[in-house]
């Protein structure tokens, strides 16, 4: 058993935050130029995707819990 349950929404937000940090880190190091507005669509889209992932994950966990609690017909 894991120490905590898997939360896909947090994974999506974390990956997007790391991507944004990488883009601006490269800009800071002088490897490329990143306009200031690049982060806005990445962050906002990641929040939408995180909400969708959290909703799907919750529905999956609830369905799995219901299936485990219902009596089997075999």
PDB file of N, CA and C in Angstrom:
ATOM      1  N   UNK A   1       0.842  -1.180   0.000  1.00  0.00           N
ATOM      2  CA  UNK A   1       0.000   0.000   0.000  1.00  0.00           C
ATOM      3  C   UNK A   1       0.885   1.240   0.000  1.00  0.00           C
ATOM      4  N   UNK A   2       0.490   2.195  -0.798  1.00  0.00           N
ATOM      5  CA  UNK A   2       1.248   3.439  -0.873  1.00  0.00           C
ATOM      6  C   UNK A   2       0.994   4.305   0.353  1.00  0.00           C
ATOM      7  N   UNK A   3       1.873   5.236   0.596  1.00  0.00           N
ATOM      8  CA  UNK A   3       1.731   6.139   1.722  1.00  0.00           C
ATOM      9  C   UNK A   3       0.631   7.169   1.524  1.00  0.00           C
ATOM     10  N   UNK A   4       0.267   7.432   0.266  1.00  0.00           N
ATOM     11  CA  UNK A   4      -0.794   8.391  -0.041  1.00  0.00           C
ATOM     12  C   UNK A   4      -1.405   8.013  -1.368  1.00  0.00           C
ATOM     13  N   UNK A   5      -2.558   8.566  -1.641  1.00  0.00           N
ATOM     14  CA  UNK A   5      -3.197   8.259  -2.908  1.00  0.00           C
ATOM     15  C   UNK A   5      -2.631   9.134  -4.023  1.00  0.00           C
ATOM     16  N   UNK A   6      -2.708   8.616  -5.232  1.00  0.00           N
ATOM     17  CA  UNK A   6      -2.194   9.315  -6.407  1.00  0.00           C
ATOM     18  C   UNK A   6      -3.139  10.453  -6.769  1.00  0.00           C
ATOM     19  N   UNK A   7      -2.601  11.644  -6.973  1.00  0.00           N
ATOM     20  CA  UNK A   7      -3.394  12.809  -7.343  1.00  0.00           C
ATOM     21  C   UNK A   7      -2.884  13.342  -8.676  1.00  0.00           C
ATOM     22  N   UNK A   8      -3.552  12.960  -9.774  1.00  0.00           N
ATOM     23  CA  UNK A   8      -3.048  13.336 -11.098  1.00  0.00           C
ATOM     24  C   UNK A   8      -3.078  14.840 -11.363  1.00  0.00           C
ATOM     25  N   UNK A   9      -3.992  15.572 -10.747  1.00  0.00           N
ATOM     26  CA  UNK A   9      -4.050  17.016 -10.944  1.00  0.00           C
ATOM     27  C   UNK A   9      -2.786  17.703 -10.457  1.00  0.00           C
ATOM     28  N   UNK A  10      -2.286  17.265  -9.347  1.00  0.00           N
ATOM     29  CA  UNK A  10      -1.051  17.858  -8.820  1.00  0.00           C
ATOM     30  C   UNK A  10       0.142  17.525  -9.710  1.00  0.00           C
ATOM     31  N   UNK A  11       0.135  16.342 -10.300  1.00  0.00           N
ATOM     32  CA  UNK A  11       1.197  15.974 -11.226  1.00  0.00           C
ATOM     33  C   UNK A  11       1.199  16.893 -12.438  1.00  0.00           C
ATOM     34  N   UNK A  12       0.027  17.168 -12.990  1.00  0.00           N
ATOM     35  CA  UNK A  12      -0.081  18.031 -14.169  1.00  0.00           C
ATOM     36  C   UNK A  12       0.414  19.437 -13.841  1.00  0.00           C
ATOM     37  N   UNK A  13      -0.004  19.978 -12.723  1.00  0.00           N
ATOM     38  CA  UNK A  13       0.427  21.325 -12.337  1.00  0.00           C
ATOM     39  C   UNK A  13       1.935  21.355 -12.074  1.00  0.00           C
ATOM     40  N   UNK A  14       2.465  20.327 -11.456  1.00  0.00           N
ATOM     41  CA  UNK A  14       3.899  20.275 -11.193  1.00  0.00           C
ATOM     42  C   UNK A  14       4.731  20.227 -12.460  1.00  0.00           C
ATOM     43  N   UNK A  15       4.295  19.420 -13.424  1.00  0.00           N
ATOM     44  CA  UNK A  15       5.019  19.336 -14.696  1.00  0.00           C
ATOM     45  C   UNK A  15       4.961  20.681 -15.433  1.00  0.00           C
ATOM     46  N   UNK A  16       3.798  21.323 -15.416  1.00  0.00           N
ATOM     47  CA  UNK A  16       3.672  22.624 -16.079  1.00  0.00           C
ATOM     48  C   UNK A  16       4.534  23.681 -15.384  1.00  0.00           C
ATOM     49  N   UNK A  17       4.592  23.641 -14.076  1.00  0.00           N
ATOM     50  CA  UNK A  17       5.436  24.596 -13.353  1.00  0.00           C
ATOM     51  C   UNK A  17       6.911  24.371 -13.676  1.00  0.00           C
ATOM     52  N   UNK A  18       7.321  23.107 -13.770  1.00  0.00           N
ATOM     53  CA  UNK A  18       8.707  22.818 -14.142  1.00  0.00           C
ATOM     54  C   UNK A  18       9.006  23.258 -15.573  1.00  0.00           C
ATOM     55  N   UNK A  19       8.052  23.086 -16.471  1.00  0.00           N
ATOM     56  CA  UNK A  19       8.247  23.529 -17.857  1.00  0.00           C
ATOM     57  C   UNK A  19       8.390  25.045 -17.924  1.00  0.00           C
ATOM     58  N   UNK A  20       7.548  25.749 -17.192  1.00  0.00           N
ATOM     59  CA  UNK A  20       7.625  27.208 -17.167  1.00  0.00           C
ATOM     60  C   UNK A  20       8.949  27.668 -16.566  1.00  0.00           C
ATOM     61  N   UNK A  21       9.369  27.014 -15.495  1.00  0.00           N
ATOM     62  CA  UNK A  21      10.647  27.366 -14.877  1.00  0.00           C
ATOM     63  C   UNK A  21      11.808  27.087 -15.820  1.00  0.00           C
ATOM     64  N   UNK A  22      11.719  26.019 -16.599  1.00  0.00           N
ATOM     65  CA  UNK A  22      12.777  25.696 -17.557  1.00  0.00           C
ATOM     66  C   UNK A  22      12.859  26.749 -18.660  1.00  0.00           C
ATOM     67  N   UNK A  23      11.701  27.170 -19.153  1.00  0.00           N
ATOM     68  CA  UNK A  23      11.680  28.198 -20.204  1.00  0.00           C
ATOM     69  C   UNK A  23      12.310  29.487 -19.701  1.00  0.00           C
ATOM     70  N   UNK A  24      11.907  29.947 -18.525  1.00  0.00           N
ATOM     71  CA  UNK A  24      12.456  31.199 -18.015  1.00  0.00           C
ATOM     72  C   UNK A  24      13.874  31.034 -17.480  1.00  0.00           C
ATOM     73  N   UNK A  25      14.238  29.839 -17.053  1.00  0.00           N
ATOM     74  CA  UNK A  25      15.626  29.587 -16.666  1.00  0.00           C
ATOM     75  C   UNK A  25      16.556  29.670 -17.871  1.00  0.00           C
ATOM     76  N   UNK A  26      16.099  29.131 -19.009  1.00  0.00           N
ATOM     77  CA  UNK A  26      16.881  29.253 -20.234  1.00  0.00           C
ATOM     78  C   UNK A  26      16.995  30.688 -20.693  1.00  0.00           C
ATOM     79  N   UNK A  27      15.928  31.448 -20.484  1.00  0.00           N
ATOM     80  CA  UNK A  27      15.965  32.872 -20.824  1.00  0.00           C
ATOM     81  C   UNK A  27      16.957  33.605 -19.923  1.00  0.00           C
ATOM     82  N   UNK A  28      16.948  33.288 -18.660  1.00  0.00           N
ATOM     83  CA  UNK A  28      17.855  33.921 -17.705  1.00  0.00           C
ATOM     84  C   UNK A  28      19.312  33.577 -18.019  1.00  0.00           C
ATOM     85  N   UNK A  29      19.560  32.342 -18.446  1.00  0.00           N
ATOM     86  CA  UNK A  29      20.923  31.922 -18.766  1.00  0.00           C
ATOM     87  C   UNK A  29      21.386  32.454 -20.122  1.00  0.00           C
ATOM     88  N   UNK A  30      20.467  33.032 -20.897  1.00  0.00           N
ATOM     89  CA  UNK A  30      20.831  33.584 -22.184  1.00  0.00           C
ATOM     90  C   UNK A  30      20.820  32.571 -23.314  1.00  0.00           C
ATOM     91  N   UNK A  31      20.208  31.423 -23.098  1.00  0.00           N
ATOM     92  CA  UNK A  31      20.160  30.397 -24.146  1.00  0.00           C
ATOM     93  C   UNK A  31      19.141  30.730 -25.228  1.00  0.00           C
ATOM     94  N   UNK A  32      18.054  31.385 -24.851  1.00  0.00           N
ATOM     95  CA  UNK A  32      17.024  31.801 -25.796  1.00  0.00           C
ATOM     96  C   UNK A  32      16.247  32.960 -25.194  1.00  0.00           C
ATOM     97  N   UNK A  33      15.390  33.550 -25.990  1.00  0.00           N
ATOM     98  CA  UNK A  33      14.555  34.659 -25.533  1.00  0.00           C
ATOM     99  C   UNK A  33      13.129  34.157 -25.341  1.00  0.00           C
ATOM    100  N   UNK A  34      12.577  34.373 -24.168  1.00  0.00           N
ATOM    101  CA  UNK A  34      11.199  33.990 -23.874  1.00  0.00           C
ATOM    102  C   UNK A  34      10.417  35.247 -23.506  1.00  0.00           C
ATOM    103  N   UNK A  35       9.375  35.573 -24.273  1.00  0.00           N
ATOM    104  CA  UNK A  35       8.563  36.735 -23.910  1.00  0.00           C
ATOM    105  C   UNK A  35       7.869  36.515 -22.563  1.00  0.00           C
ATOM    106  N   UNK A  36       7.525  37.605 -21.915  1.00  0.00           N
ATOM    107  CA  UNK A  36       6.927  37.509 -20.580  1.00  0.00           C
ATOM    108  C   UNK A  36       5.592  36.793 -20.605  1.00  0.00           C
ATOM    109  N   UNK A  37       4.862  36.857 -21.704  1.00  0.00           N
ATOM    110  CA  UNK A  37       3.514  36.289 -21.754  1.00  0.00           C
ATOM    111  C   UNK A  37       3.486  34.788 -22.066  1.00  0.00           C
ATOM    112  N   UNK A  38       4.626  34.158 -22.223  1.00  0.00           N
ATOM    113  CA  UNK A  38       4.660  32.720 -22.507  1.00  0.00           C
ATOM    114  C   UNK A  38       4.084  31.913 -21.342  1.00  0.00           C
ATOM    115  N   UNK A  39       4.302  32.362 -20.138  1.00  0.00           N
ATOM    116  CA  UNK A  39       3.856  31.609 -18.967  1.00  0.00           C
ATOM    117  C   UNK A  39       2.336  31.598 -18.816  1.00  0.00           C
ATOM    118  N   UNK A  40       1.662  32.633 -19.286  1.00  0.00           N
ATOM    119  CA  UNK A  40       0.216  32.720 -19.077  1.00  0.00           C
ATOM    120  C   UNK A  40      -0.558  31.551 -19.683  1.00  0.00           C
ATOM    121  N   UNK A  41      -0.412  31.238 -20.963  1.00  0.00           N
ATOM    122  CA  UNK A  41      -1.160  30.100 -21.485  1.00  0.00           C
ATOM    123  C   UNK A  41      -0.726  28.766 -20.882  1.00  0.00           C
ATOM    124  N   UNK A  42       0.556  28.637 -20.585  1.00  0.00           N
ATOM    125  CA  UNK A  42       1.029  27.376 -19.997  1.00  0.00           C
ATOM    126  C   UNK A  42       0.399  27.165 -18.629  1.00  0.00           C
ATOM    127  N   UNK A  43       0.405  28.181 -17.796  1.00  0.00           N
ATOM    128  CA  UNK A  43      -0.145  28.056 -16.448  1.00  0.00           C
ATOM    129  C   UNK A  43      -1.667  27.888 -16.480  1.00  0.00           C
ATOM    130  N   UNK A  44      -2.354  28.714 -17.264  1.00  0.00           N
ATOM    131  CA  UNK A  44      -3.815  28.615 -17.298  1.00  0.00           C
ATOM    132  C   UNK A  44      -4.279  27.300 -17.912  1.00  0.00           C
ATOM    133  N   UNK A  45      -3.629  26.858 -18.992  1.00  0.00           N
ATOM    134  CA  UNK A  45      -4.000  25.579 -19.592  1.00  0.00           C
ATOM    135  C   UNK A  45      -3.702  24.415 -18.656  1.00  0.00           C
ATOM    136  N   UNK A  46      -2.612  24.517 -17.917  1.00  0.00           N
ATOM    137  CA  UNK A  46      -2.295  23.444 -16.984  1.00  0.00           C
ATOM    138  C   UNK A  46      -3.311  23.384 -15.844  1.00  0.00           C
ATOM    139  N   UNK A  47      -3.844  24.533 -15.442  1.00  0.00           N
ATOM    140  CA  UNK A  47      -4.878  24.505 -14.399  1.00  0.00           C
ATOM    141  C   UNK A  47      -6.151  23.833 -14.904  1.00  0.00           C
ATOM    142  N   UNK A  48      -6.523  24.110 -16.162  1.00  0.00           N
ATOM    143  CA  UNK A  48      -7.683  23.425 -16.742  1.00  0.00           C
ATOM    144  C   UNK A  48      -7.437  21.923 -16.834  1.00  0.00           C
ATOM    145  N   UNK A  49      -6.263  21.534 -17.309  1.00  0.00           N
ATOM    146  CA  UNK A  49      -5.940  20.111 -17.422  1.00  0.00           C
ATOM    147  C   UNK A  49      -5.847  19.444 -16.056  1.00  0.00           C
ATOM    148  N   UNK A  50      -5.349  20.158 -15.069  1.00  0.00           N
ATOM    149  CA  UNK A  50      -5.272  19.602 -13.720  1.00  0.00           C
ATOM    150  C   UNK A  50      -6.669  19.382 -13.155  1.00  0.00           C
ATOM    151  N   UNK A  51      -7.566  20.322 -13.396  1.00  0.00           N
ATOM    152  CA  UNK A  51      -8.936  20.142 -12.951  1.00  0.00           C
ATOM    153  C   UNK A  51      -9.596  18.954 -13.615  1.00  0.00           C
ATOM    154  N   UNK A  52      -9.364  18.785 -14.904  1.00  0.00           N
ATOM    155  CA  UNK A  52      -9.912  17.636 -15.625  1.00  0.00           C
ATOM    156  C   UNK A  52      -9.313  16.336 -15.108  1.00  0.00           C
ATOM    157  N   UNK A  53      -8.009  16.313 -14.890  1.00  0.00           N
ATOM    158  CA  UNK A  53      -7.354  15.109 -14.372  1.00  0.00           C
ATOM    159  C   UNK A  53      -7.838  14.770 -12.972  1.00  0.00           C
ATOM    160  N   UNK A  54      -8.042  15.775 -12.135  1.00  0.00           N
ATOM    161  CA  UNK A  54      -8.553  15.531 -10.788  1.00  0.00           C
ATOM    162  C   UNK A  54      -9.986  15.002 -10.838  1.00  0.00           C
ATOM    163  N   UNK A  55     -10.800  15.541 -11.727  1.00  0.00           N
ATOM    164  CA  UNK A  55     -12.180  15.076 -11.863  1.00  0.00           C
ATOM    165  C   UNK A  55     -12.225  13.619 -12.333  1.00  0.00           C
ATOM    166  N   UNK A  56     -11.419  13.298 -13.350  1.00  0.00           N
ATOM    167  CA  UNK A  56     -11.376  11.918 -13.854  1.00  0.00           C
ATOM    168  C   UNK A  56     -10.846  10.976 -12.776  1.00  0.00           C
ATOM    169  N   UNK A  57      -9.818  11.383 -12.065  1.00  0.00           N
ATOM    170  CA  UNK A  57      -9.265  10.551 -10.997  1.00  0.00           C
ATOM    171  C   UNK A  57     -10.260  10.299  -9.877  1.00  0.00           C
ATOM    172  N   UNK A  58     -11.023  11.322  -9.514  1.00  0.00           N
ATOM    173  CA  UNK A  58     -12.035  11.168  -8.470  1.00  0.00           C
ATOM    174  C   UNK A  58     -13.141  10.228  -8.920  1.00  0.00           C
ATOM    175  N   UNK A  59     -13.599  10.385 -10.161  1.00  0.00           N
ATOM    176  CA  UNK A  59     -14.637   9.488 -10.687  1.00  0.00           C
ATOM    177  C   UNK A  59     -14.141   8.045 -10.718  1.00  0.00           C
ATOM    178  N   UNK A  60     -12.895   7.848 -11.101  1.00  0.00           N
ATOM    179  CA  UNK A  60     -12.324   6.504 -11.150  1.00  0.00           C
ATOM    180  C   UNK A  60     -12.254   5.893  -9.756  1.00  0.00           C
ATOM    181  N   UNK A  61     -11.790   6.668  -8.770  1.00  0.00           N
ATOM    182  CA  UNK A  61     -11.698   6.148  -7.402  1.00  0.00           C
ATOM    183  C   UNK A  61     -13.067   5.822  -6.832  1.00  0.00           C
ATOM    184  N   UNK A  62     -14.060   6.677  -7.090  1.00  0.00           N
ATOM    185  CA  UNK A  62     -15.415   6.419  -6.593  1.00  0.00           C
ATOM    186  C   UNK A  62     -16.007   5.170  -7.235  1.00  0.00           C
ATOM    187  N   UNK A  63     -15.790   5.018  -8.536  1.00  0.00           N
ATOM    188  CA  UNK A  63     -16.312   3.844  -9.235  1.00  0.00           C
ATOM    189  C   UNK A  63     -15.633   2.576  -8.722  1.00  0.00           C
ATOM    190  N   UNK A  64     -14.336   2.635  -8.488  1.00  0.00           N
ATOM    191  CA  UNK A  64     -13.615   1.479  -7.973  1.00  0.00           C
ATOM    192  C   UNK A  64     -14.071   1.126  -6.555  1.00  0.00           C
ATOM    193  N   UNK A  65     -14.331   2.141  -5.732  1.00  0.00           N
ATOM    194  CA  UNK A  65     -14.808   1.913  -4.376  1.00  0.00           C
ATOM    195  C   UNK A  65     -16.196   1.291  -4.391  1.00  0.00           C
ATOM    196  N   UNK A  66     -17.087   1.804  -5.273  1.00  0.00           N
ATOM    197  CA  UNK A  66     -18.432   1.226  -5.385  1.00  0.00           C
ATOM    198  C   UNK A  66     -18.375  -0.228  -5.832  1.00  0.00           C
ATOM    199  N   UNK A  67     -17.490  -0.541  -6.773  1.00  0.00           N
ATOM    200  CA  UNK A  67     -17.372  -1.906  -7.261  1.00  0.00           C
ATOM    201  C   UNK A  67     -16.841  -2.837  -6.170  1.00  0.00           C
ATOM    202  N   UNK A  68     -15.970  -2.335  -5.330  1.00  0.00           N
ATOM    203  CA  UNK A  68     -15.417  -3.166  -4.247  1.00  0.00           C
ATOM    204  C   UNK A  68     -16.450  -3.396  -3.148  1.00  0.00           C
ATOM    205  N   UNK A  69     -17.368  -2.451  -2.963  1.00  0.00           N
ATOM    206  CA  UNK A  69     -18.360  -2.601  -1.907  1.00  0.00           C
ATOM    207  C   UNK A  69     -19.590  -3.386  -2.330  1.00  0.00           C
ATOM    208  N   UNK A  70     -19.861  -3.447  -3.614  1.00  0.00           N
ATOM    209  CA  UNK A  70     -21.051  -4.165  -4.065  1.00  0.00           C
ATOM    210  C   UNK A  70     -20.804  -5.671  -4.026  1.00  0.00           C
ATOM    211  N   UNK A  71     -21.839  -6.448  -3.705  1.00  0.00           N
ATOM    212  CA  UNK A  71     -21.669  -7.892  -3.652  1.00  0.00           C
ATOM    213  C   UNK A  71     -21.498  -8.456  -5.058  1.00  0.00           C
ATOM    214  N   UNK A  72     -20.626  -9.424  -5.180  1.00  0.00           N
ATOM    215  CA  UNK A  72     -20.398 -10.010  -6.510  1.00  0.00           C
ATOM    216  C   UNK A  72     -21.527 -10.965  -6.844  1.00  0.00           C
ATOM    217  N   UNK A  73     -21.838 -11.082  -8.127  1.00  0.00           N
ATOM    218  CA  UNK A  73     -22.940 -11.937  -8.570  1.00  0.00           C
ATOM    219  C   UNK A  73     -22.459 -13.255  -9.137  1.00  0.00           C
ATOM    220  N   UNK A  74     -21.247 -13.639  -8.864  1.00  0.00           N
ATOM    221  CA  UNK A  74     -20.691 -14.891  -9.405  1.00  0.00           C
ATOM    222  C   UNK A  74     -21.089 -16.054  -8.573  1.00  0.00           C
TER     223      UNK A  74
END
